[in-house]
Amino acid sequence: MARALLPPSTDPEQAKFAQRLLDKLKYCKEVLLSIRNASVGLGVGTSGSGSANAIEACAKPSKASLR
């Protein structure tokens, strides 16, 4: 957390590393949001029987590239 408050690094390797971490965090956020949206759309959480359908829906291959 303290590292995030420091000014950006002048070292290109550290800057590249930090950008990759940020990209991965953004990707994870997108995945989690899509899972939440899919589960809300299927009504998961309202009854116990919907969880199996949510797992099947989330098991479809993603078109997003993995880095």
C-alpha atoms as a PDB file:
ATOM      1  CA  MET A   1       0.000   0.000   0.000  1.00  0.00           C
ATOM      2  CA  ALA A   2       2.787   2.396   0.868  1.00  0.00           C
ATOM      3  CA  ARG A   3       4.465   1.621  -2.454  1.00  0.00           C
ATOM      4  CA  ALA A   4       1.346   2.783  -4.298  1.00  0.00           C
ATOM      5  CA  LEU A   5       1.672   6.219  -2.731  1.00  0.00           C
ATOM      6  CA  LEU A   6       5.253   6.689  -3.930  1.00  0.00           C
ATOM      7  CA  PRO A   7       5.909   8.622  -7.156  1.00  0.00           C
ATOM      8  CA  PRO A   8       6.226   6.521 -10.320  1.00  0.00           C
ATOM      9  CA  SER A   9       9.520   4.762 -10.801  1.00  0.00           C
ATOM     10  CA  THR A  10      12.061   6.053 -13.276  1.00  0.00           C
ATOM     11  CA  ASP A  11      13.360   2.506 -13.780  1.00  0.00           C
ATOM     12  CA  PRO A  12      11.767   1.147 -16.986  1.00  0.00           C
ATOM     13  CA  GLU A  13      11.757  -2.430 -15.671  1.00  0.00           C
ATOM     14  CA  GLN A  14       9.852  -1.453 -12.536  1.00  0.00           C
ATOM     15  CA  ALA A  15       7.425   0.661 -14.553  1.00  0.00           C
ATOM     16  CA  LYS A  16       6.789  -2.279 -16.888  1.00  0.00           C
ATOM     17  CA  PHE A  17       6.250  -4.609 -13.935  1.00  0.00           C
ATOM     18  CA  ALA A  18       3.831  -2.180 -12.289  1.00  0.00           C
ATOM     19  CA  GLN A  19       1.877  -1.772 -15.538  1.00  0.00           C
ATOM     20  CA  ARG A  20       1.583  -5.544 -15.941  1.00  0.00           C
ATOM     21  CA  LEU A  21       0.272  -5.856 -12.393  1.00  0.00           C
ATOM     22  CA  LEU A  22      -2.262  -3.140 -13.058  1.00  0.00           C
ATOM     23  CA  ASP A  23      -3.374  -4.852 -16.276  1.00  0.00           C
ATOM     24  CA  LYS A  24      -3.806  -8.150 -14.435  1.00  0.00           C
ATOM     25  CA  LEU A  25      -5.837  -6.464 -11.700  1.00  0.00           C
ATOM     26  CA  LYS A  26      -8.107  -4.861 -14.287  1.00  0.00           C
ATOM     27  CA  TYR A  27      -8.571  -8.239 -15.999  1.00  0.00           C
ATOM     28  CA  CYS A  28      -9.429  -9.915 -12.689  1.00  0.00           C
ATOM     29  CA  LYS A  29     -11.934  -7.172 -11.936  1.00  0.00           C
ATOM     30  CA  GLU A  30     -13.597  -7.713 -15.321  1.00  0.00           C
ATOM     31  CA  VAL A  31     -13.793 -11.466 -14.713  1.00  0.00           C
ATOM     32  CA  LEU A  32     -15.291 -11.029 -11.246  1.00  0.00           C
ATOM     33  CA  LEU A  33     -17.827  -8.514 -12.536  1.00  0.00           C
ATOM     34  CA  SER A  34     -18.854 -10.842 -15.349  1.00  0.00           C
ATOM     35  CA  ILE A  35     -19.267 -13.716 -12.892  1.00  0.00           C
ATOM     36  CA  ARG A  36     -21.390 -11.531 -10.631  1.00  0.00           C
ATOM     37  CA  ASN A  37     -23.505 -10.344 -13.565  1.00  0.00           C
ATOM     38  CA  ALA A  38     -23.978 -13.900 -14.789  1.00  0.00           C
ATOM     39  CA  SER A  39     -24.998 -15.103 -11.339  1.00  0.00           C
ATOM     40  CA  VAL A  40     -27.467 -12.229 -10.929  1.00  0.00           C
ATOM     41  CA  GLY A  41     -28.922 -12.995 -14.346  1.00  0.00           C
ATOM     42  CA  LEU A  42     -29.438 -16.628 -13.405  1.00  0.00           C
ATOM     43  CA  GLY A  43     -30.866 -15.846  -9.988  1.00  0.00           C
ATOM     44  CA  VAL A  44     -28.061 -17.545  -8.106  1.00  0.00           C
ATOM     45  CA  GLY A  45     -28.208 -16.927  -4.397  1.00  0.00           C
ATOM     46  CA  THR A  46     -31.994 -16.919  -4.255  1.00  0.00           C
ATOM     47  CA  SER A  47     -32.239 -20.705  -4.239  1.00  0.00           C
ATOM     48  CA  GLY A  48     -29.823 -23.588  -3.883  1.00  0.00           C
ATOM     49  CA  SER A  49     -30.670 -25.168  -7.244  1.00  0.00           C
ATOM     50  CA  GLY A  50     -29.356 -22.284  -9.355  1.00  0.00           C
ATOM     51  CA  SER A  51     -25.717 -22.780  -8.420  1.00  0.00           C
ATOM     52  CA  ALA A  52     -25.248 -25.759 -10.722  1.00  0.00           C
ATOM     53  CA  ASN A  53     -26.570 -23.737 -13.665  1.00  0.00           C
ATOM     54  CA  ALA A  54     -24.236 -20.853 -12.814  1.00  0.00           C
ATOM     55  CA  ILE A  55     -21.240 -23.182 -12.799  1.00  0.00           C
ATOM     56  CA  GLU A  56     -22.213 -24.541 -16.204  1.00  0.00           C
ATOM     57  CA  ALA A  57     -22.710 -21.028 -17.590  1.00  0.00           C
ATOM     58  CA  CYS A  58     -19.336 -19.875 -16.267  1.00  0.00           C
ATOM     59  CA  ALA A  59     -17.585 -22.971 -17.621  1.00  0.00           C
ATOM     60  CA  LYS A  60     -18.033 -21.816 -21.220  1.00  0.00           C
ATOM     61  CA  PRO A  61     -14.727 -20.788 -22.783  1.00  0.00           C
ATOM     62  CA  SER A  62     -14.025 -17.085 -22.623  1.00  0.00           C
ATOM     63  CA  LYS A  63     -13.229 -15.062 -25.707  1.00  0.00           C
ATOM     64  CA  ALA A  64     -10.987 -12.746 -23.665  1.00  0.00           C
ATOM     65  CA  SER A  65      -7.284 -13.390 -24.004  1.00  0.00           C
ATOM     66  CA  LEU A  66      -5.295 -14.576 -21.028  1.00  0.00           C
ATOM     67  CA  ARG A  67      -1.933 -12.930 -20.583  1.00  0.00           C
END
